[in-house]
């Protein structure tokens, strides 16, 4: 099953953390996966010219740590992250490094030289529009997770 969380432009670390806590985590707990596979793109980074999001390397690190904790609890730590995109040749490598370092347990992490320019209130803020988008995504998932009775063989559901 697929769950989409259409976040508004300008969403940063705060909005993604809220989505992790209020949509991704409940979905994973409900599904109880044997493995979590993530198409880990960096389009949401603050310097990506296409997506218009405001995630920083710290935000990617936080999301990765949240996933690691959930996967440790739910599926014996089986988490696969597959790198798959982002259009900032300058900043995507720092975001990717944050994910890799988090998965490898590197502490302290590499310093993000762009953090002073994009971090702080703008990146970490959770706006009302972002929270509403996440809450709507959760409500849609909750409605779709209601038990649907199986169709008897040979019949089609209308």
N, C-alpha and C. Protein backbone atom coordinates (compact mmCIF):
# COMPACT_ATOMS: atom_id res chain seq x y z
N UNK A 1 0.82 -1.18 0.00
CA UNK A 1 0.00 0.00 0.00
C UNK A 1 0.87 1.24 0.00
N UNK A 2 0.45 2.24 -0.69
CA UNK A 2 1.19 3.48 -0.82
C UNK A 2 0.48 4.58 -0.03
N UNK A 3 1.26 5.42 0.63
CA UNK A 3 0.72 6.55 1.38
C UNK A 3 1.43 7.80 0.89
N UNK A 4 0.67 8.76 0.42
CA UNK A 4 1.24 10.02 -0.04
C UNK A 4 0.94 11.13 0.96
N UNK A 5 1.94 11.98 1.17
CA UNK A 5 1.78 13.13 2.05
C UNK A 5 2.18 14.35 1.22
N UNK A 6 1.21 14.98 0.55
CA UNK A 6 1.52 16.14 -0.30
C UNK A 6 1.79 17.39 0.54
N UNK A 7 3.04 17.67 0.77
CA UNK A 7 3.43 18.81 1.60
C UNK A 7 3.52 20.08 0.77
N UNK A 8 3.15 21.22 1.35
CA UNK A 8 3.22 22.48 0.60
C UNK A 8 4.66 22.95 0.41
N UNK A 9 4.89 23.74 -0.62
CA UNK A 9 6.20 24.33 -0.85
C UNK A 9 6.65 25.08 0.40
N UNK A 10 7.93 25.01 0.67
CA UNK A 10 8.47 25.67 1.85
C UNK A 10 8.54 24.80 3.08
N UNK A 11 8.08 23.55 2.97
CA UNK A 11 8.14 22.64 4.12
C UNK A 11 9.59 22.26 4.38
N UNK A 12 9.97 22.32 5.63
CA UNK A 12 11.34 21.98 6.01
C UNK A 12 11.37 20.89 7.06
N UNK A 13 12.40 20.92 7.88
CA UNK A 13 12.64 19.88 8.88
C UNK A 13 11.43 19.68 9.80
N UNK A 14 10.82 20.77 10.22
CA UNK A 14 9.68 20.68 11.14
C UNK A 14 8.50 19.95 10.52
N UNK A 15 8.18 20.26 9.26
CA UNK A 15 7.07 19.61 8.59
C UNK A 15 7.34 18.14 8.31
N UNK A 16 8.56 17.83 7.92
CA UNK A 16 8.91 16.43 7.66
C UNK A 16 8.93 15.62 8.95
N UNK A 17 9.41 16.21 10.04
CA UNK A 17 9.39 15.51 11.33
C UNK A 17 7.95 15.24 11.76
N UNK A 18 7.08 16.22 11.56
CA UNK A 18 5.67 16.06 11.90
C UNK A 18 5.04 14.94 11.05
N UNK A 19 5.38 14.91 9.77
CA UNK A 19 4.85 13.85 8.89
C UNK A 19 5.37 12.48 9.31
N UNK A 20 6.63 12.41 9.70
CA UNK A 20 7.17 11.13 10.17
C UNK A 20 6.41 10.64 11.40
N UNK A 21 6.20 11.54 12.34
CA UNK A 21 5.55 11.17 13.59
C UNK A 21 4.07 10.87 13.42
N UNK A 22 3.39 11.63 12.57
CA UNK A 22 1.93 11.54 12.53
C UNK A 22 1.37 10.75 11.34
N UNK A 23 2.20 10.38 10.38
CA UNK A 23 1.73 9.56 9.26
C UNK A 23 2.61 8.33 9.07
N UNK A 24 3.89 8.54 8.86
CA UNK A 24 4.78 7.41 8.55
C UNK A 24 4.84 6.42 9.71
N UNK A 25 5.07 6.91 10.91
CA UNK A 25 5.16 6.00 12.05
C UNK A 25 3.88 5.20 12.28
N UNK A 26 2.69 5.83 12.31
CA UNK A 26 1.47 5.02 12.48
C UNK A 26 1.25 4.02 11.35
N UNK A 27 1.58 4.42 10.12
CA UNK A 27 1.42 3.50 8.99
C UNK A 27 2.34 2.29 9.13
N UNK A 28 3.59 2.54 9.50
CA UNK A 28 4.52 1.42 9.67
C UNK A 28 4.10 0.52 10.83
N UNK A 29 3.65 1.12 11.91
CA UNK A 29 3.20 0.31 13.05
C UNK A 29 2.00 -0.55 12.67
N UNK A 30 1.11 0.00 11.87
CA UNK A 30 -0.07 -0.74 11.43
C UNK A 30 0.33 -1.86 10.46
N UNK A 31 1.23 -1.56 9.56
CA UNK A 31 1.61 -2.53 8.52
C UNK A 31 2.53 -3.62 9.04
N UNK A 32 3.36 -3.31 10.04
CA UNK A 32 4.32 -4.27 10.62
C UNK A 32 5.19 -4.90 9.54
N UNK A 33 6.00 -4.11 8.85
CA UNK A 33 6.79 -4.65 7.72
C UNK A 33 7.89 -5.59 8.18
N UNK A 34 8.33 -6.44 7.25
CA UNK A 34 9.49 -7.29 7.49
C UNK A 34 10.76 -6.56 7.06
N UNK A 35 10.60 -5.54 6.21
CA UNK A 35 11.70 -4.75 5.67
C UNK A 35 11.13 -3.40 5.25
N UNK A 36 11.89 -2.35 5.43
CA UNK A 36 11.50 -1.03 4.95
C UNK A 36 12.48 -0.63 3.87
N UNK A 37 11.97 -0.30 2.70
CA UNK A 37 12.77 0.12 1.56
C UNK A 37 12.40 1.57 1.25
N UNK A 38 13.38 2.46 1.27
CA UNK A 38 13.14 3.88 1.07
C UNK A 38 13.84 4.35 -0.20
N UNK A 39 13.08 4.96 -1.10
CA UNK A 39 13.66 5.66 -2.24
C UNK A 39 14.08 7.02 -1.70
N UNK A 40 15.35 7.14 -1.37
CA UNK A 40 15.86 8.27 -0.62
C UNK A 40 16.36 9.36 -1.55
N UNK A 41 15.47 10.25 -1.95
CA UNK A 41 15.85 11.37 -2.80
C UNK A 41 16.09 12.61 -1.97
N UNK A 42 16.80 13.55 -2.56
CA UNK A 42 17.14 14.77 -1.85
C UNK A 42 16.51 16.00 -2.51
N UNK A 43 15.41 15.78 -3.21
CA UNK A 43 14.67 16.86 -3.83
C UNK A 43 14.16 17.86 -2.80
N UNK A 44 13.92 17.40 -1.58
CA UNK A 44 13.38 18.27 -0.54
C UNK A 44 14.43 19.17 0.10
N UNK A 45 15.67 19.07 -0.36
CA UNK A 45 16.72 19.89 0.26
C UNK A 45 16.50 21.37 -0.05
N UNK A 46 17.00 22.20 0.84
CA UNK A 46 16.79 23.64 0.75
C UNK A 46 17.36 24.25 -0.53
N UNK A 47 18.35 23.63 -1.11
CA UNK A 47 18.99 24.20 -2.30
C UNK A 47 18.53 23.54 -3.59
N UNK A 48 17.55 22.66 -3.52
CA UNK A 48 17.06 22.02 -4.73
C UNK A 48 16.22 23.04 -5.52
N UNK A 49 16.55 23.24 -6.80
CA UNK A 49 15.85 24.27 -7.58
C UNK A 49 14.45 23.86 -8.03
N UNK A 50 14.07 22.61 -7.86
CA UNK A 50 12.80 22.13 -8.39
C UNK A 50 11.69 22.04 -7.33
N UNK A 51 11.97 21.45 -6.19
CA UNK A 51 10.91 21.10 -5.24
C UNK A 51 10.45 22.25 -4.35
N UNK A 52 11.29 23.23 -4.11
CA UNK A 52 10.94 24.38 -3.27
C UNK A 52 10.64 24.00 -1.82
N UNK A 53 11.40 23.03 -1.31
CA UNK A 53 11.29 22.65 0.09
C UNK A 53 12.49 23.22 0.85
N UNK A 54 12.53 23.01 2.17
CA UNK A 54 13.58 23.64 2.97
C UNK A 54 14.23 22.64 3.94
N UNK A 55 14.38 21.40 3.52
CA UNK A 55 15.06 20.41 4.37
C UNK A 55 16.55 20.69 4.38
N UNK A 56 17.15 20.48 5.55
CA UNK A 56 18.60 20.61 5.68
C UNK A 56 19.19 19.22 5.91
N UNK A 57 20.51 19.16 5.90
CA UNK A 57 21.18 17.89 6.19
C UNK A 57 20.74 17.39 7.57
N UNK A 58 20.56 18.29 8.52
CA UNK A 58 20.10 17.91 9.86
C UNK A 58 18.70 17.28 9.80
N UNK A 59 17.85 17.80 8.94
CA UNK A 59 16.51 17.24 8.77
C UNK A 59 16.56 15.83 8.19
N UNK A 60 17.41 15.63 7.19
CA UNK A 60 17.57 14.27 6.63
C UNK A 60 18.15 13.33 7.67
N UNK A 61 19.06 13.82 8.49
CA UNK A 61 19.63 13.01 9.57
C UNK A 61 18.53 12.60 10.55
N UNK A 62 17.67 13.55 10.91
CA UNK A 62 16.60 13.28 11.86
C UNK A 62 15.60 12.26 11.32
N UNK A 63 15.21 12.42 10.07
CA UNK A 63 14.27 11.46 9.45
C UNK A 63 14.90 10.07 9.42
N UNK A 64 16.18 10.01 9.07
CA UNK A 64 16.87 8.72 9.01
C UNK A 64 16.93 8.08 10.39
N UNK A 65 17.24 8.87 11.42
CA UNK A 65 17.29 8.33 12.79
C UNK A 65 15.93 7.81 13.22
N UNK A 66 14.88 8.53 12.86
CA UNK A 66 13.52 8.09 13.20
C UNK A 66 13.22 6.75 12.52
N UNK A 67 13.58 6.65 11.24
CA UNK A 67 13.36 5.38 10.53
C UNK A 67 14.18 4.24 11.13
N UNK A 68 15.43 4.51 11.47
CA UNK A 68 16.27 3.48 12.09
C UNK A 68 15.64 2.96 13.38
N UNK A 69 15.16 3.88 14.21
CA UNK A 69 14.54 3.48 15.48
C UNK A 69 13.29 2.64 15.24
N UNK A 70 12.45 3.10 14.30
CA UNK A 70 11.24 2.34 13.99
C UNK A 70 11.58 0.95 13.44
N UNK A 71 12.55 0.90 12.54
CA UNK A 71 12.91 -0.39 11.95
C UNK A 71 13.55 -1.33 12.97
N UNK A 72 14.32 -0.79 13.91
CA UNK A 72 14.86 -1.63 14.99
C UNK A 72 13.72 -2.29 15.76
N UNK A 73 12.70 -1.51 16.03
CA UNK A 73 11.56 -2.00 16.81
C UNK A 73 10.65 -2.93 16.01
N UNK A 74 10.39 -2.59 14.74
CA UNK A 74 9.35 -3.29 13.98
C UNK A 74 9.84 -4.44 13.11
N UNK A 75 11.06 -4.35 12.60
CA UNK A 75 11.48 -5.38 11.63
C UNK A 75 12.95 -5.76 11.78
N UNK A 76 13.41 -5.79 13.01
CA UNK A 76 14.77 -6.24 13.26
C UNK A 76 15.84 -5.37 12.63
N UNK A 77 15.53 -4.08 12.43
CA UNK A 77 16.52 -3.15 11.88
C UNK A 77 16.71 -3.22 10.38
N UNK A 78 15.85 -3.96 9.70
CA UNK A 78 16.00 -4.11 8.24
C UNK A 78 15.47 -2.86 7.52
N UNK A 79 16.41 -1.99 7.18
CA UNK A 79 16.12 -0.74 6.48
C UNK A 79 17.08 -0.62 5.31
N UNK A 80 16.55 -0.41 4.12
CA UNK A 80 17.35 -0.21 2.92
C UNK A 80 17.03 1.18 2.40
N UNK A 81 18.06 1.99 2.23
CA UNK A 81 17.91 3.33 1.67
C UNK A 81 18.59 3.33 0.31
N UNK A 82 17.84 3.65 -0.74
CA UNK A 82 18.37 3.69 -2.10
C UNK A 82 18.39 5.14 -2.56
N UNK A 83 19.57 5.63 -2.87
CA UNK A 83 19.70 7.02 -3.31
C UNK A 83 19.04 7.18 -4.67
N UNK A 84 18.25 8.26 -4.82
CA UNK A 84 17.51 8.36 -6.08
C UNK A 84 17.22 9.76 -6.59
N UNK A 85 17.93 10.75 -6.18
CA UNK A 85 17.66 12.03 -6.83
C UNK A 85 17.91 13.24 -5.98
N UNK A 86 17.60 14.36 -6.57
CA UNK A 86 17.89 15.66 -6.02
C UNK A 86 18.67 16.42 -7.08
N UNK A 87 18.39 17.69 -7.21
CA UNK A 87 18.94 18.46 -8.33
C UNK A 87 19.90 19.55 -7.90
N UNK A 88 20.41 19.47 -6.69
CA UNK A 88 21.39 20.45 -6.23
C UNK A 88 22.75 19.76 -6.14
N UNK A 89 23.59 19.96 -7.14
CA UNK A 89 24.90 19.31 -7.08
C UNK A 89 25.77 19.83 -5.93
N UNK A 90 25.40 20.97 -5.37
CA UNK A 90 26.16 21.56 -4.28
C UNK A 90 25.71 21.00 -2.93
N UNK A 91 24.38 20.85 -2.73
CA UNK A 91 23.88 20.51 -1.39
C UNK A 91 23.44 19.06 -1.24
N UNK A 92 22.97 18.42 -2.29
CA UNK A 92 22.53 17.02 -2.18
C UNK A 92 23.62 16.12 -1.58
N UNK A 93 24.91 16.31 -1.92
CA UNK A 93 25.93 15.45 -1.30
C UNK A 93 25.98 15.56 0.23
N UNK A 94 25.75 16.74 0.77
CA UNK A 94 25.74 16.89 2.23
C UNK A 94 24.54 16.18 2.85
N UNK A 95 23.41 16.23 2.15
CA UNK A 95 22.21 15.54 2.64
C UNK A 95 22.41 14.03 2.57
N UNK A 96 22.98 13.56 1.47
CA UNK A 96 23.27 12.13 1.33
C UNK A 96 24.26 11.67 2.39
N UNK A 97 25.27 12.47 2.64
CA UNK A 97 26.26 12.13 3.66
C UNK A 97 25.60 12.05 5.04
N UNK A 98 24.66 12.94 5.30
CA UNK A 98 23.95 12.91 6.59
C UNK A 98 23.21 11.59 6.77
N UNK A 99 22.58 11.10 5.71
CA UNK A 99 21.87 9.82 5.77
C UNK A 99 22.85 8.68 6.01
N UNK A 100 23.94 8.66 5.23
CA UNK A 100 24.93 7.59 5.36
C UNK A 100 25.57 7.59 6.74
N UNK A 101 25.96 8.77 7.21
CA UNK A 101 26.58 8.85 8.54
C UNK A 101 25.62 8.38 9.63
N UNK A 102 24.36 8.74 9.51
CA UNK A 102 23.38 8.32 10.51
C UNK A 102 23.22 6.81 10.51
N UNK A 103 23.12 6.24 9.32
CA UNK A 103 22.98 4.78 9.23
C UNK A 103 24.23 4.07 9.75
N UNK A 104 25.40 4.68 9.58
CA UNK A 104 26.65 4.08 10.03
C UNK A 104 26.98 4.39 11.48
N UNK A 105 26.19 5.25 12.12
CA UNK A 105 26.42 5.61 13.51
C UNK A 105 27.59 6.55 13.71
N UNK A 106 27.93 7.35 12.69
CA UNK A 106 29.03 8.30 12.80
C UNK A 106 28.61 9.45 13.71
N UNK A 107 29.43 9.68 14.74
CA UNK A 107 29.15 10.76 15.67
C UNK A 107 30.47 11.32 16.17
N UNK A 108 30.74 12.59 16.06
CA UNK A 108 29.84 13.62 15.56
C UNK A 108 29.76 13.60 14.04
N UNK A 109 28.65 14.08 13.50
CA UNK A 109 28.49 14.11 12.05
C UNK A 109 29.33 15.21 11.41
N UNK A 110 29.51 15.11 10.11
CA UNK A 110 30.19 16.14 9.35
C UNK A 110 29.44 17.47 9.47
N UNK A 111 30.16 18.53 9.63
CA UNK A 111 29.54 19.86 9.74
C UNK A 111 28.96 20.25 8.38
N UNK A 112 27.72 20.72 8.40
CA UNK A 112 27.04 21.19 7.20
C UNK A 112 27.38 22.67 7.02
N UNK A 113 28.19 23.01 6.01
CA UNK A 113 28.59 24.41 5.85
C UNK A 113 27.46 25.33 5.42
N UNK A 114 26.34 24.76 4.99
CA UNK A 114 25.21 25.57 4.54
C UNK A 114 24.19 25.82 5.65
N UNK A 115 24.31 25.10 6.76
CA UNK A 115 23.35 25.21 7.87
C UNK A 115 23.14 26.66 8.33
N UNK A 116 24.19 27.47 8.45
CA UNK A 116 23.96 28.86 8.89
C UNK A 116 23.06 29.65 7.94
N UNK A 117 23.00 29.25 6.70
CA UNK A 117 22.22 30.01 5.71
C UNK A 117 20.79 29.52 5.58
N UNK A 118 20.55 28.24 5.86
CA UNK A 118 19.21 27.69 5.65
C UNK A 118 18.60 27.08 6.90
N UNK A 119 19.40 26.89 7.94
CA UNK A 119 18.89 26.27 9.15
C UNK A 119 18.10 27.25 9.99
N UNK A 120 17.71 26.81 11.15
CA UNK A 120 17.01 27.68 12.08
C UNK A 120 15.52 27.73 11.86
N UNK A 121 14.93 28.88 12.16
CA UNK A 121 13.48 29.03 12.20
C UNK A 121 12.80 28.64 10.89
N UNK A 122 13.33 29.07 9.76
CA UNK A 122 12.68 28.77 8.49
C UNK A 122 12.62 27.27 8.23
N UNK A 123 13.70 26.57 8.47
CA UNK A 123 13.75 25.13 8.21
C UNK A 123 13.00 24.33 9.27
N UNK A 124 13.09 24.77 10.52
CA UNK A 124 12.56 23.97 11.62
C UNK A 124 11.11 24.26 11.97
N UNK A 125 10.57 25.30 11.41
CA UNK A 125 9.20 25.72 11.69
C UNK A 125 8.18 24.70 11.15
N UNK A 126 7.09 24.55 11.86
CA UNK A 126 5.93 23.79 11.38
C UNK A 126 4.80 24.78 11.26
N UNK A 127 4.37 25.06 10.03
CA UNK A 127 3.29 26.02 9.84
C UNK A 127 1.94 25.31 9.94
N UNK A 128 0.90 26.09 10.06
CA UNK A 128 -0.44 25.52 10.12
C UNK A 128 -0.77 24.78 8.82
N UNK A 129 -0.38 25.34 7.68
CA UNK A 129 -0.66 24.69 6.39
C UNK A 129 0.05 23.35 6.28
N UNK A 130 1.28 23.27 6.79
CA UNK A 130 2.01 22.01 6.76
C UNK A 130 1.35 20.97 7.66
N UNK A 131 0.98 21.39 8.86
CA UNK A 131 0.32 20.47 9.79
C UNK A 131 -1.01 19.98 9.22
N UNK A 132 -1.77 20.88 8.60
CA UNK A 132 -3.05 20.48 7.99
C UNK A 132 -2.84 19.49 6.86
N UNK A 133 -1.80 19.68 6.04
CA UNK A 133 -1.52 18.75 4.95
C UNK A 133 -1.22 17.36 5.50
N UNK A 134 -0.42 17.31 6.54
CA UNK A 134 -0.07 16.02 7.16
C UNK A 134 -1.31 15.40 7.79
N UNK A 135 -2.09 16.20 8.50
CA UNK A 135 -3.30 15.68 9.14
C UNK A 135 -4.29 15.14 8.12
N UNK A 136 -4.41 15.79 6.96
CA UNK A 136 -5.29 15.30 5.90
C UNK A 136 -4.77 13.98 5.33
N UNK A 137 -3.45 13.87 5.17
CA UNK A 137 -2.86 12.62 4.67
C UNK A 137 -3.12 11.49 5.65
N UNK A 138 -2.99 11.78 6.95
CA UNK A 138 -3.27 10.74 7.95
C UNK A 138 -4.74 10.32 7.90
N UNK A 139 -5.63 11.30 7.79
CA UNK A 139 -7.06 10.98 7.73
C UNK A 139 -7.39 10.13 6.51
N UNK A 140 -6.77 10.45 5.37
CA UNK A 140 -7.00 9.65 4.15
C UNK A 140 -6.50 8.22 4.34
N UNK A 141 -5.33 8.08 4.96
CA UNK A 141 -4.79 6.75 5.22
C UNK A 141 -5.70 5.98 6.17
N UNK A 142 -6.15 6.66 7.23
CA UNK A 142 -7.01 5.99 8.22
C UNK A 142 -8.31 5.51 7.58
N UNK A 143 -8.88 6.34 6.70
CA UNK A 143 -10.12 5.91 6.01
C UNK A 143 -9.85 4.71 5.11
N UNK A 144 -8.70 4.70 4.45
CA UNK A 144 -8.41 3.62 3.50
C UNK A 144 -7.97 2.35 4.20
N UNK A 145 -7.63 2.43 5.48
CA UNK A 145 -7.16 1.24 6.17
C UNK A 145 -8.29 0.44 6.81
N UNK A 146 -9.51 0.91 6.64
CA UNK A 146 -10.64 0.15 7.16
C UNK A 146 -10.68 -1.21 6.47
N UNK A 147 -11.00 -2.20 7.22
CA UNK A 147 -11.02 -3.56 6.68
C UNK A 147 -12.06 -3.66 5.56
N UNK A 148 -11.61 -4.06 4.40
CA UNK A 148 -12.50 -4.24 3.25
C UNK A 148 -12.73 -5.73 3.09
N UNK A 149 -13.98 -6.17 3.11
CA UNK A 149 -14.22 -7.61 2.99
C UNK A 149 -13.74 -8.13 1.64
N UNK A 150 -13.22 -9.35 1.61
CA UNK A 150 -12.75 -9.91 0.35
C UNK A 150 -13.89 -10.12 -0.63
N UNK A 151 -13.57 -10.06 -1.90
CA UNK A 151 -14.54 -10.32 -2.95
C UNK A 151 -14.61 -11.82 -3.16
N UNK A 152 -15.82 -12.42 -3.15
CA UNK A 152 -15.90 -13.86 -3.42
C UNK A 152 -15.31 -14.16 -4.80
N UNK A 153 -14.66 -15.30 -4.92
CA UNK A 153 -14.02 -15.63 -6.19
C UNK A 153 -15.03 -15.61 -7.32
N UNK A 154 -14.59 -15.09 -8.45
CA UNK A 154 -15.46 -15.01 -9.62
C UNK A 154 -16.28 -13.75 -9.70
N UNK A 155 -16.32 -12.93 -8.63
CA UNK A 155 -17.10 -11.71 -8.64
C UNK A 155 -16.17 -10.50 -8.70
N UNK A 156 -16.68 -9.40 -9.17
CA UNK A 156 -15.91 -8.15 -9.21
C UNK A 156 -16.53 -7.13 -8.27
N UNK A 157 -15.67 -6.40 -7.60
CA UNK A 157 -16.15 -5.33 -6.72
C UNK A 157 -16.57 -4.15 -7.59
N UNK A 158 -17.72 -3.57 -7.29
CA UNK A 158 -18.20 -2.39 -8.04
C UNK A 158 -17.66 -1.13 -7.44
